[in-house]
Amino acid sequence: MPFSVSSIPSNSSKSASGKQSLTTSIGWLTPSRYQANLTGLHRKCARTLYSAARHTRQKGWFEVIVGKSVPVEGAAKRFAFVNTYDTKPKRRLFEVLKSQGVHTNQPVTFLSDGGETVRNLQMYLNPLAEHLLDWFHVAMRLTVMGQMNKGMRETESVSLIQSVEEQLESLKHHLWNGNVGPAQTVIDVLKFQLEGEAINAERKKLLKAAREFEGYIAANAGFIPDYGDRYRNEETITTAFVESTVNQVVSKRMVKKQPMRWSQKGAHLLLQVRTQVFNKELRGTFQKWYPEMDSQRASEDCAA
């Protein structure tokens, strides 16, 4: 059963700049090659209780990790925690997988956005795990650079715009087919075309994005598969399906419709309640704390 982890950036205008939301979700791969669990990880930013006007936005927010695990057989489970508050996040994820019958000798495919937080979380959980970079985030970054290139039409020559567009298409083609080496060569060519002594602001932004993308690909080079081959074999290449879990567990109370200020402890405890409600485990937890709940319910059923 491989497993997949991924993250998708927040759509909320209220999320902190420079931080992406993180959520995790799992589905299963079709049995064309093998059966597998999928895990998608997302980061979500909540507003801290102690943020003040003098604080930077980065200091005024903290990161929440939300996940959903959908095994090949059995019910799906959601999990969530405040990354900087939970002292054993890997243990939490491990226990979720264990509760669904995933053993250490079963392959797991993790799809991640390539962020350091989620990448570290999924590592070493399973010796047979396969770690992949989510295609959605690769394509999203390329799309942003394409838009930046179009924004230079009024200030740059037509030949440069066309050349950059061709390089971006070539870069996307190489990455889609898992050709990391040629893709890195294309990035070098792209940077060379954009560099110069006196360049305008729009061109500087695109050059900066290209350099950041170069580092992003270098950091995740070992996690880039042949997406085209996986797609043709009906295997998962993105975790866009995870977004509903973010909305269910985090967005309504912490970001979108009811934005509130939270302490890390308060947010973490609320997340435990919400995930147990969605997993239909909250009553079971209370019954462990208060065993008499079983006898009371039995007597009520008899009386009815």
C-alpha atoms as a PDB file:
ATOM      1  CA  MET A   1       0.000   0.000   0.000  1.00  0.00           C
ATOM      2  CA  PRO A   2       2.122   3.051  -0.969  1.00  0.00           C
ATOM      3  CA  PHE A   3       1.242   6.368   0.626  1.00  0.00           C
ATOM      4  CA  SER A   4       1.308  10.016  -0.518  1.00  0.00           C
ATOM      5  CA  VAL A   5       1.783  13.376   1.162  1.00  0.00           C
ATOM      6  CA  SER A   6       1.296  16.829  -0.301  1.00  0.00           C
ATOM      7  CA  SER A   7       0.626  20.396   0.489  1.00  0.00           C
ATOM      8  CA  ILE A   8      -1.322  23.087  -1.215  1.00  0.00           C
ATOM      9  CA  PRO A   9      -0.953  26.791  -0.579  1.00  0.00           C
ATOM     10  CA  SER A  10      -3.774  28.589   1.129  1.00  0.00           C
ATOM     11  CA  ASN A  11      -6.361  30.327  -1.018  1.00  0.00           C
ATOM     12  CA  SER A  12      -7.250  32.701   1.783  1.00  0.00           C
ATOM     13  CA  SER A  13      -6.225  36.330   1.470  1.00  0.00           C
ATOM     14  CA  LYS A  14      -5.839  36.390   5.228  1.00  0.00           C
ATOM     15  CA  SER A  15      -3.090  33.787   5.392  1.00  0.00           C
ATOM     16  CA  ALA A  16       0.326  35.081   6.376  1.00  0.00           C
ATOM     17  CA  SER A  17       2.609  36.030   3.542  1.00  0.00           C
ATOM     18  CA  GLY A  18       5.615  33.838   3.203  1.00  0.00           C
ATOM     19  CA  LYS A  19       3.864  30.879   4.821  1.00  0.00           C
ATOM     20  CA  GLN A  20       1.696  28.342   3.098  1.00  0.00           C
ATOM     21  CA  SER A  21      -1.114  26.394   4.594  1.00  0.00           C
ATOM     22  CA  LEU A  22      -0.453  22.793   5.205  1.00  0.00           C
ATOM     23  CA  THR A  23      -3.007  20.009   5.139  1.00  0.00           C
ATOM     24  CA  THR A  24      -2.658  16.291   4.777  1.00  0.00           C
ATOM     25  CA  SER A  25      -4.938  13.960   2.928  1.00  0.00           C
ATOM     26  CA  ILE A  26      -4.892  10.376   1.798  1.00  0.00           C
ATOM     27  CA  GLY A  27      -6.616   8.492  -0.968  1.00  0.00           C
ATOM     28  CA  TRP A  28      -5.679   5.300  -2.761  1.00  0.00           C
ATOM     29  CA  LEU A  29      -3.989   4.558  -6.061  1.00  0.00           C
ATOM     30  CA  THR A  30      -5.833   2.531  -8.637  1.00  0.00           C
ATOM     31  CA  PRO A  31      -4.706  -1.117  -8.797  1.00  0.00           C
ATOM     32  CA  SER A  32      -3.287  -0.768 -12.319  1.00  0.00           C
ATOM     33  CA  ARG A  33       0.185  -1.392 -10.879  1.00  0.00           C
ATOM     34  CA  TYR A  34      -0.350  -1.693  -7.159  1.00  0.00           C
ATOM     35  CA  GLN A  35      -2.757  -0.714  -4.458  1.00  0.00           C
ATOM     36  CA  ALA A  36      -1.660   2.084  -2.204  1.00  0.00           C
ATOM     37  CA  ASN A  37      -2.674   4.655   0.343  1.00  0.00           C
ATOM     38  CA  LEU A  38      -2.139   8.328  -0.480  1.00  0.00           C
ATOM     39  CA  THR A  39      -1.287  11.016   2.032  1.00  0.00           C
ATOM     40  CA  GLY A  40      -1.417  14.703   1.182  1.00  0.00           C
ATOM     41  CA  LEU A  41       0.038  17.292   3.569  1.00  0.00           C
ATOM     42  CA  HIS A  42      -0.916  20.955   3.677  1.00  0.00           C
ATOM     43  CA  ARG A  43       0.239  23.812   5.810  1.00  0.00           C
ATOM     44  CA  LYS A  44      -2.275  26.339   7.096  1.00  0.00           C
ATOM     45  CA  CYS A  45      -1.517  29.530   8.988  1.00  0.00           C
ATOM     46  CA  ALA A  46      -3.607  30.609  11.974  1.00  0.00           C
ATOM     47  CA  ARG A  47      -3.460  33.997  13.613  1.00  0.00           C
ATOM     48  CA  THR A  48      -1.752  33.916  16.980  1.00  0.00           C
ATOM     49  CA  LEU A  49      -3.486  35.166  20.102  1.00  0.00           C
ATOM     50  CA  TYR A  50      -0.553  37.359  21.014  1.00  0.00           C
ATOM     51  CA  SER A  51       0.081  39.063  17.686  1.00  0.00           C
ATOM     52  CA  ALA A  52       0.289  42.855  17.838  1.00  0.00           C
ATOM     53  CA  ALA A  53       0.536  45.653  15.324  1.00  0.00           C
ATOM     54  CA  ARG A  54       4.235  46.060  15.935  1.00  0.00           C
ATOM     55  CA  HIS A  55       4.892  42.391  15.171  1.00  0.00           C
ATOM     56  CA  THR A  56       5.674  41.218  11.681  1.00  0.00           C
ATOM     57  CA  ARG A  57       2.983  39.133  10.002  1.00  0.00           C
ATOM     58  CA  GLN A  58       5.291  36.136  10.142  1.00  0.00           C
ATOM     59  CA  LYS A  59       5.559  36.421  13.928  1.00  0.00           C
ATOM     60  CA  GLY A  60       1.822  36.945  14.228  1.00  0.00           C
ATOM     61  CA  TRP A  61       0.928  33.600  12.678  1.00  0.00           C
ATOM     62  CA  PHE A  62       1.740  29.965  13.320  1.00  0.00           C
ATOM     63  CA  GLU A  63       1.575  26.865  11.188  1.00  0.00           C
ATOM     64  CA  VAL A  64      -1.047  24.135  11.402  1.00  0.00           C
ATOM     65  CA  ILE A  65      -0.690  20.765   9.692  1.00  0.00           C
ATOM     66  CA  VAL A  66      -3.886  18.976   8.706  1.00  0.00           C
ATOM     67  CA  GLY A  67      -4.211  15.543   7.146  1.00  0.00           C
ATOM     68  CA  LYS A  68      -6.630  12.952   5.892  1.00  0.00           C
ATOM     69  CA  SER A  69      -5.761   9.288   5.504  1.00  0.00           C
ATOM     70  CA  VAL A  70      -7.826   7.137   3.159  1.00  0.00           C
ATOM     71  CA  PRO A  71      -6.671   3.505   3.209  1.00  0.00           C
ATOM     72  CA  VAL A  72      -7.405   0.988   0.482  1.00  0.00           C
ATOM     73  CA  GLU A  73      -9.910  -0.633   2.837  1.00  0.00           C
ATOM     74  CA  GLY A  74     -11.667   0.952   5.772  1.00  0.00           C
ATOM     75  CA  ALA A  75     -12.790   4.427   6.762  1.00  0.00           C
ATOM     76  CA  ALA A  76     -10.819   7.593   6.171  1.00  0.00           C
ATOM     77  CA  LYS A  77      -9.238   9.405   9.103  1.00  0.00           C
ATOM     78  CA  ARG A  78      -8.301  13.026   9.556  1.00  0.00           C
ATOM     79  CA  PHE A  79      -5.553  14.354  11.770  1.00  0.00           C
ATOM     80  CA  ALA A  80      -4.319  17.835  12.603  1.00  0.00           C
ATOM     81  CA  PHE A  81      -1.891  19.561  14.930  1.00  0.00           C
ATOM     82  CA  VAL A  82       0.037  22.778  15.504  1.00  0.00           C
ATOM     83  CA  ASN A  83       3.493  21.961  14.248  1.00  0.00           C
ATOM     84  CA  THR A  84       5.362  24.106  16.765  1.00  0.00           C
ATOM     85  CA  TYR A  85       3.261  22.892  19.714  1.00  0.00           C
ATOM     86  CA  ASP A  86       3.027  19.130  19.121  1.00  0.00           C
ATOM     87  CA  THR A  87       6.181  17.552  20.545  1.00  0.00           C
ATOM     88  CA  LYS A  88       5.781  14.267  18.634  1.00  0.00           C
ATOM     89  CA  PRO A  89       4.209  14.985  15.223  1.00  0.00           C
ATOM     90  CA  LYS A  90       5.757  11.930  13.577  1.00  0.00           C
ATOM     91  CA  ARG A  91       4.330   9.701  16.285  1.00  0.00           C
ATOM     92  CA  ARG A  92       0.889  11.212  15.651  1.00  0.00           C
ATOM     93  CA  LEU A  93       1.043  10.446  11.932  1.00  0.00           C
ATOM     94  CA  PHE A  94       2.479   6.988  12.609  1.00  0.00           C
ATOM     95  CA  GLU A  95      -0.380   6.150  14.987  1.00  0.00           C
ATOM     96  CA  VAL A  96      -2.947   7.222  12.384  1.00  0.00           C
ATOM     97  CA  LEU A  97      -1.422   4.894   9.805  1.00  0.00           C
ATOM     98  CA  LYS A  98      -1.082   2.096  12.358  1.00  0.00           C
ATOM     99  CA  SER A  99      -4.729   2.415  13.376  1.00  0.00           C
ATOM    100  CA  GLN A 100      -5.685   1.871   9.728  1.00  0.00           C
ATOM    101  CA  GLY A 101      -3.672  -1.320   9.464  1.00  0.00           C
ATOM    102  CA  VAL A 102      -0.671   0.075   7.593  1.00  0.00           C
ATOM    103  CA  HIS A 103       2.385  -1.957   8.600  1.00  0.00           C
ATOM    104  CA  THR A 104       6.066  -1.164   8.205  1.00  0.00           C
ATOM    105  CA  ASN A 105       6.428  -3.800   5.485  1.00  0.00           C
ATOM    106  CA  GLN A 106       3.783  -2.132   3.305  1.00  0.00           C
ATOM    107  CA  PRO A 107       4.876   0.461   0.714  1.00  0.00           C
ATOM    108  CA  VAL A 108       3.624   4.002   1.270  1.00  0.00           C
ATOM    109  CA  THR A 109       3.744   6.846  -1.268  1.00  0.00           C
ATOM    110  CA  PHE A 110       4.056  10.335   0.199  1.00  0.00           C
ATOM    111  CA  LEU A 111       3.241  13.281  -2.063  1.00  0.00           C
ATOM    112  CA  SER A 112       4.474  16.593  -0.696  1.00  0.00           C
ATOM    113  CA  ASP A 113       4.739  20.201  -1.853  1.00  0.00           C
ATOM    114  CA  GLY A 114       8.463  20.050  -1.208  1.00  0.00           C
ATOM    115  CA  GLY A 115       8.347  22.286   1.854  1.00  0.00           C
ATOM    116  CA  GLU A 116      10.869  21.468   4.550  1.00  0.00           C
ATOM    117  CA  THR A 117       8.230  21.014   7.265  1.00  0.00           C
ATOM    118  CA  VAL A 118       6.222  18.320   5.514  1.00  0.00           C
ATOM    119  CA  ARG A 119       9.280  16.733   3.971  1.00  0.00           C
ATOM    120  CA  ASN A 120      10.794  16.173   7.410  1.00  0.00           C
ATOM    121  CA  LEU A 121       7.481  14.918   8.825  1.00  0.00           C
ATOM    122  CA  GLN A 122       7.087  12.103   6.314  1.00  0.00           C
ATOM    123  CA  MET A 123      10.702  10.928   6.314  1.00  0.00           C
ATOM    124  CA  TYR A 124      11.695   7.686   8.054  1.00  0.00           C
ATOM    125  CA  LEU A 125       8.122   6.710   8.936  1.00  0.00           C
ATOM    126  CA  ASN A 126       8.239   3.665   6.699  1.00  0.00           C
ATOM    127  CA  PRO A 127      11.290   1.875   5.232  1.00  0.00           C
ATOM    128  CA  LEU A 128       9.374   1.104   2.032  1.00  0.00           C
ATOM    129  CA  ALA A 129       8.007   4.627   1.606  1.00  0.00           C
ATOM    130  CA  GLU A 130       8.184   6.398  -1.738  1.00  0.00           C
ATOM    131  CA  HIS A 131       8.481  10.191  -1.530  1.00  0.00           C
ATOM    132  CA  LEU A 132       7.232  12.254  -4.473  1.00  0.00           C
ATOM    133  CA  LEU A 133       6.945  15.956  -5.208  1.00  0.00           C
ATOM    134  CA  ASP A 134       3.372  17.049  -5.897  1.00  0.00           C
ATOM    135  CA  TRP A 135       2.980  18.096  -9.546  1.00  0.00           C
ATOM    136  CA  PHE A 136       0.419  20.773  -8.680  1.00  0.00           C
ATOM    137  CA  HIS A 137       3.034  22.869  -6.910  1.00  0.00           C
ATOM    138  CA  VAL A 138       5.583  22.454  -9.697  1.00  0.00           C
ATOM    139  CA  ALA A 139       3.044  23.534 -12.323  1.00  0.00           C
ATOM    140  CA  MET A 140       1.807  26.391 -10.138  1.00  0.00           C
ATOM    141  CA  ARG A 141       5.294  27.906  -9.875  1.00  0.00           C
ATOM    142  CA  LEU A 142       5.816  27.602 -13.625  1.00  0.00           C
ATOM    143  CA  THR A 143       2.455  29.275 -14.252  1.00  0.00           C
ATOM    144  CA  VAL A 144       3.407  32.187 -12.003  1.00  0.00           C
ATOM    145  CA  MET A 145       6.683  32.670 -13.912  1.00  0.00           C
ATOM    146  CA  GLY A 146       4.726  32.545 -17.171  1.00  0.00           C
ATOM    147  CA  GLN A 147       2.470  35.344 -15.941  1.00  0.00           C
ATOM    148  CA  MET A 148       5.505  37.380 -14.904  1.00  0.00           C
ATOM    149  CA  ASN A 149       6.934  36.948 -18.388  1.00  0.00           C
ATOM    150  CA  LYS A 150       3.710  38.229 -19.969  1.00  0.00           C
ATOM    151  CA  GLY A 151       3.871  41.215 -17.637  1.00  0.00           C
ATOM    152  CA  MET A 152       7.159  42.298 -19.262  1.00  0.00           C
ATOM    153  CA  ARG A 153       5.618  42.864 -22.712  1.00  0.00           C
ATOM    154  CA  GLU A 154       5.568  46.634 -22.315  1.00  0.00           C
ATOM    155  CA  THR A 155       9.168  46.908 -21.156  1.00  0.00           C
ATOM    156  CA  GLU A 156      11.080  44.097 -22.891  1.00  0.00           C
ATOM    157  CA  SER A 157      11.658  43.035 -26.493  1.00  0.00           C
ATOM    158  CA  VAL A 158       9.364  40.564 -28.208  1.00  0.00           C
ATOM    159  CA  SER A 159      12.282  38.229 -28.842  1.00  0.00           C
ATOM    160  CA  LEU A 160      13.111  38.005 -25.118  1.00  0.00           C
ATOM    161  CA  ILE A 161       9.475  37.364 -24.184  1.00  0.00           C
ATOM    162  CA  GLN A 162       9.208  34.581 -26.760  1.00  0.00           C
ATOM    163  CA  SER A 163      12.536  33.060 -25.756  1.00  0.00           C
ATOM    164  CA  VAL A 164      11.593  32.984 -22.059  1.00  0.00           C
ATOM    165  CA  GLU A 165       8.222  31.460 -22.944  1.00  0.00           C
ATOM    166  CA  GLU A 166       9.961  28.714 -24.908  1.00  0.00           C
ATOM    167  CA  GLN A 167      12.331  28.013 -22.035  1.00  0.00           C
ATOM    168  CA  LEU A 168       9.447  27.732 -19.578  1.00  0.00           C
ATOM    169  CA  GLU A 169       7.615  25.310 -21.885  1.00  0.00           C
ATOM    170  CA  SER A 170      10.780  23.244 -22.237  1.00  0.00           C
ATOM    171  CA  LEU A 171      11.270  23.293 -18.470  1.00  0.00           C
ATOM    172  CA  LYS A 172       7.714  22.089 -17.893  1.00  0.00           C
ATOM    173  CA  HIS A 173       8.146  19.318 -20.472  1.00  0.00           C
ATOM    174  CA  HIS A 174      11.353  18.013 -18.870  1.00  0.00           C
ATOM    175  CA  LEU A 175       9.895  18.047 -15.365  1.00  0.00           C
ATOM    176  CA  TRP A 176       6.666  16.359 -16.515  1.00  0.00           C
ATOM    177  CA  ASN A 177       8.791  13.511 -17.843  1.00  0.00           C
ATOM    178  CA  GLY A 178      11.026  13.376 -14.757  1.00  0.00           C
ATOM    179  CA  ASN A 179      14.149  14.671 -16.543  1.00  0.00           C
ATOM    180  CA  VAL A 180      15.662  16.677 -13.688  1.00  0.00           C
ATOM    181  CA  GLY A 181      19.148  17.152 -15.205  1.00  0.00           C
ATOM    182  CA  PRO A 182      17.937  18.706 -18.495  1.00  0.00           C
ATOM    183  CA  ALA A 183      15.432  20.804 -16.510  1.00  0.00           C
ATOM    184  CA  GLN A 184      18.236  22.279 -14.407  1.00  0.00           C
ATOM    185  CA  THR A 185      20.138  23.094 -17.586  1.00  0.00           C
ATOM    186  CA  VAL A 186      17.100  24.960 -18.933  1.00  0.00           C
ATOM    187  CA  ILE A 187      16.898  26.958 -15.695  1.00  0.00           C
ATOM    188  CA  ASP A 188      20.542  27.983 -16.139  1.00  0.00           C
ATOM    189  CA  VAL A 189      19.772  29.191 -19.677  1.00  0.00           C
ATOM    190  CA  LEU A 190      16.704  31.052 -18.426  1.00  0.00           C
ATOM    191  CA  LYS A 191      18.709  32.841 -15.746  1.00  0.00           C
ATOM    192  CA  PHE A 192      21.402  33.787 -18.277  1.00  0.00           C
ATOM    193  CA  GLN A 193      18.759  35.348 -20.542  1.00  0.00           C
ATOM    194  CA  LEU A 194      17.289  37.407 -17.713  1.00  0.00           C
ATOM    195  CA  GLU A 195      20.487  38.585 -16.079  1.00  0.00           C
ATOM    196  CA  GLY A 196      21.944  41.996 -16.864  1.00  0.00           C
ATOM    197  CA  GLU A 197      23.470  45.089 -15.312  1.00  0.00           C
ATOM    198  CA  ALA A 198      20.473  47.398 -15.703  1.00  0.00           C
ATOM    199  CA  ILE A 199      17.189  45.524 -15.708  1.00  0.00           C
ATOM    200  CA  ASN A 200      13.717  46.748 -14.769  1.00  0.00           C
ATOM    201  CA  ALA A 201      11.672  45.697 -11.741  1.00  0.00           C
ATOM    202  CA  GLU A 202       9.497  43.177 -13.616  1.00  0.00           C
ATOM    203  CA  ARG A 203      12.535  41.400 -15.017  1.00  0.00           C
ATOM    204  CA  LYS A 204      14.170  41.334 -11.568  1.00  0.00           C
ATOM    205  CA  LYS A 205      11.083  39.644 -10.141  1.00  0.00           C
ATOM    206  CA  LEU A 206      11.149  36.950 -12.807  1.00  0.00           C
ATOM    207  CA  LEU A 207      14.878  36.421 -12.319  1.00  0.00           C
ATOM    208  CA  LYS A 208      14.333  36.072  -8.575  1.00  0.00           C
ATOM    209  CA  ALA A 209      11.526  33.562  -9.171  1.00  0.00           C
ATOM    210  CA  ALA A 210      13.766  31.553 -11.523  1.00  0.00           C
ATOM    211  CA  ARG A 211      16.536  31.425  -8.905  1.00  0.00           C
ATOM    212  CA  GLU A 212      14.081  30.341  -6.220  1.00  0.00           C
ATOM    213  CA  PHE A 213      12.681  27.681  -8.536  1.00  0.00           C
ATOM    214  CA  GLU A 214      16.222  26.457  -9.177  1.00  0.00           C
ATOM    215  CA  GLY A 215      16.717  25.941  -5.423  1.00  0.00           C
ATOM    216  CA  TYR A 216      13.282  24.335  -5.111  1.00  0.00           C
ATOM    217  CA  ILE A 217      14.060  21.754  -7.808  1.00  0.00           C
ATOM    218  CA  ALA A 218      17.537  21.113  -6.422  1.00  0.00           C
ATOM    219  CA  ALA A 219      16.149  20.461  -2.924  1.00  0.00           C
ATOM    220  CA  ASN A 220      13.536  18.034  -4.263  1.00  0.00           C
ATOM    221  CA  ALA A 221      15.441  16.478  -7.167  1.00  0.00           C
ATOM    222  CA  GLY A 222      15.248  13.019  -5.633  1.00  0.00           C
ATOM    223  CA  PHE A 223      11.452  13.228  -5.301  1.00  0.00           C
ATOM    224  CA  ILE A 224      10.579  14.074  -8.915  1.00  0.00           C
ATOM    225  CA  PRO A 225       9.105  11.045 -10.754  1.00  0.00           C
ATOM    226  CA  ASP A 226       8.010  10.628 -14.359  1.00  0.00           C
ATOM    227  CA  TYR A 227       4.650  12.359 -13.925  1.00  0.00           C
ATOM    228  CA  GLY A 228       3.590  11.553 -17.474  1.00  0.00           C
ATOM    229  CA  ASP A 229       4.126   7.840 -16.904  1.00  0.00           C
ATOM    230  CA  ARG A 230       2.209   7.917 -13.625  1.00  0.00           C
ATOM    231  CA  TYR A 231      -0.623   9.876 -15.243  1.00  0.00           C
ATOM    232  CA  ARG A 232      -0.913   7.424 -18.129  1.00  0.00           C
ATOM    233  CA  ASN A 233      -1.110   4.572 -15.637  1.00  0.00           C
ATOM    234  CA  GLU A 234      -3.839   6.385 -13.655  1.00  0.00           C
ATOM    235  CA  GLU A 235      -1.593   6.920 -10.655  1.00  0.00           C
ATOM    236  CA  THR A 236      -1.918   9.969  -8.462  1.00  0.00           C
ATOM    237  CA  ILE A 237       0.411  12.893  -9.205  1.00  0.00           C
ATOM    238  CA  THR A 238      -1.221  15.663  -7.176  1.00  0.00           C
ATOM    239  CA  THR A 239      -3.097  16.118  -3.930  1.00  0.00           C
ATOM    240  CA  ALA A 240      -5.627  18.740  -4.974  1.00  0.00           C
ATOM    241  CA  PHE A 241      -8.270  16.451  -3.434  1.00  0.00           C
ATOM    242  CA  VAL A 242      -6.907  17.416  -0.025  1.00  0.00           C
ATOM    243  CA  GLU A 243      -8.352  20.920   0.008  1.00  0.00           C
ATOM    244  CA  SER A 244     -11.733  19.823   1.393  1.00  0.00           C
ATOM    245  CA  THR A 245      -9.980  18.582   4.521  1.00  0.00           C
ATOM    246  CA  VAL A 246      -8.399  21.995   5.040  1.00  0.00           C
ATOM    247  CA  ASN A 247     -11.804  23.655   4.741  1.00  0.00           C
ATOM    248  CA  GLN A 248     -13.442  21.183   7.119  1.00  0.00           C
ATOM    249  CA  VAL A 249     -10.866  21.205   9.863  1.00  0.00           C
ATOM    250  CA  VAL A 250      -9.129  24.566   9.736  1.00  0.00           C
ATOM    251  CA  SER A 251     -10.364  27.249   7.357  1.00  0.00           C
ATOM    252  CA  LYS A 252     -13.839  27.918   8.737  1.00  0.00           C
ATOM    253  CA  ARG A 253     -12.716  28.508  12.328  1.00  0.00           C
ATOM    254  CA  MET A 254      -9.207  29.833  11.848  1.00  0.00           C
ATOM    255  CA  VAL A 255      -8.844  31.557   8.502  1.00  0.00           C
ATOM    256  CA  LYS A 256     -11.861  32.207   6.305  1.00  0.00           C
ATOM    257  CA  LYS A 257     -15.395  32.736   7.609  1.00  0.00           C
ATOM    258  CA  GLN A 258     -14.677  33.047  11.318  1.00  0.00           C
ATOM    259  CA  PRO A 259     -11.092  34.326  11.623  1.00  0.00           C
ATOM    260  CA  MET A 260     -10.076  34.446  15.287  1.00  0.00           C
ATOM    261  CA  ARG A 261      -6.907  34.894  17.282  1.00  0.00           C
ATOM    262  CA  TRP A 262      -5.599  31.657  18.743  1.00  0.00           C
ATOM    263  CA  SER A 263      -2.961  30.543  21.158  1.00  0.00           C
ATOM    264  CA  GLN A 264      -0.997  27.580  19.857  1.00  0.00           C
ATOM    265  CA  LYS A 265      -2.282  25.376  22.681  1.00  0.00           C
ATOM    266  CA  GLY A 266      -5.904  26.430  22.122  1.00  0.00           C
ATOM    267  CA  ALA A 267      -5.715  25.806  18.378  1.00  0.00           C
ATOM    268  CA  HIS A 268      -4.030  22.443  18.881  1.00  0.00           C
ATOM    269  CA  LEU A 269      -6.695  21.243  21.324  1.00  0.00           C
ATOM    270  CA  LEU A 270      -9.522  22.469  19.086  1.00  0.00           C
ATOM    271  CA  LEU A 271      -8.019  20.550  16.167  1.00  0.00           C
ATOM    272  CA  GLN A 272      -8.018  17.348  18.218  1.00  0.00           C
ATOM    273  CA  VAL A 273     -11.744  17.767  18.917  1.00  0.00           C
ATOM    274  CA  ARG A 274     -12.647  18.579  15.317  1.00  0.00           C
ATOM    275  CA  THR A 275     -10.707  15.655  13.852  1.00  0.00           C
ATOM    276  CA  GLN A 276     -12.244  13.233  16.356  1.00  0.00           C
ATOM    277  CA  VAL A 277     -15.714  14.509  15.461  1.00  0.00           C
ATOM    278  CA  PHE A 278     -15.073  13.929  11.738  1.00  0.00           C
ATOM    279  CA  ASN A 279     -13.537  10.517  12.493  1.00  0.00           C
ATOM    280  CA  LYS A 280     -16.530   9.629  14.698  1.00  0.00           C
ATOM    281  CA  GLU A 281     -14.162   8.875  17.566  1.00  0.00           C
ATOM    282  CA  LEU A 282     -15.111  11.579  20.059  1.00  0.00           C
ATOM    283  CA  ARG A 283     -17.635   9.466  21.965  1.00  0.00           C
ATOM    284  CA  GLY A 284     -15.157   6.595  22.142  1.00  0.00           C
ATOM    285  CA  THR A 285     -12.579   8.915  23.661  1.00  0.00           C
ATOM    286  CA  PHE A 286     -15.049  10.095  26.303  1.00  0.00           C
ATOM    287  CA  GLN A 287     -15.993   6.491  27.057  1.00  0.00           C
ATOM    288  CA  LYS A 288     -12.338   5.729  27.779  1.00  0.00           C
ATOM    289  CA  TRP A 289     -12.280   8.600  30.248  1.00  0.00           C
ATOM    290  CA  TYR A 290     -15.727   7.877  31.689  1.00  0.00           C
ATOM    291  CA  PRO A 291     -16.522   4.116  31.371  1.00  0.00           C
ATOM    292  CA  GLU A 292     -19.906   4.655  33.039  1.00  0.00           C
ATOM    293  CA  MET A 293     -21.113   6.310  29.812  1.00  0.00           C
ATOM    294  CA  ASP A 294     -21.636   2.822  28.327  1.00  0.00           C
ATOM    295  CA  SER A 295     -23.852   1.668  31.183  1.00  0.00           C
ATOM    296  CA  GLN A 296     -25.839   4.922  31.143  1.00  0.00           C
ATOM    297  CA  ARG A 297     -26.496   4.609  27.420  1.00  0.00           C
ATOM    298  CA  ALA A 298     -27.540   0.951  27.834  1.00  0.00           C
ATOM    299  CA  SER A 299     -30.017   1.867  30.564  1.00  0.00           C
ATOM    300  CA  GLU A 300     -31.436   4.692  28.416  1.00  0.00           C
ATOM    301  CA  ASP A 301     -31.891   2.287  25.498  1.00  0.00           C
ATOM    302  CA  CYS A 302     -33.722  -0.186  27.753  1.00  0.00           C
ATOM    303  CA  ALA A 303     -35.964   2.554  29.109  1.00  0.00           C
ATOM    304  CA  ALA A 304     -36.835   3.643  25.582  1.00  0.00           C
END
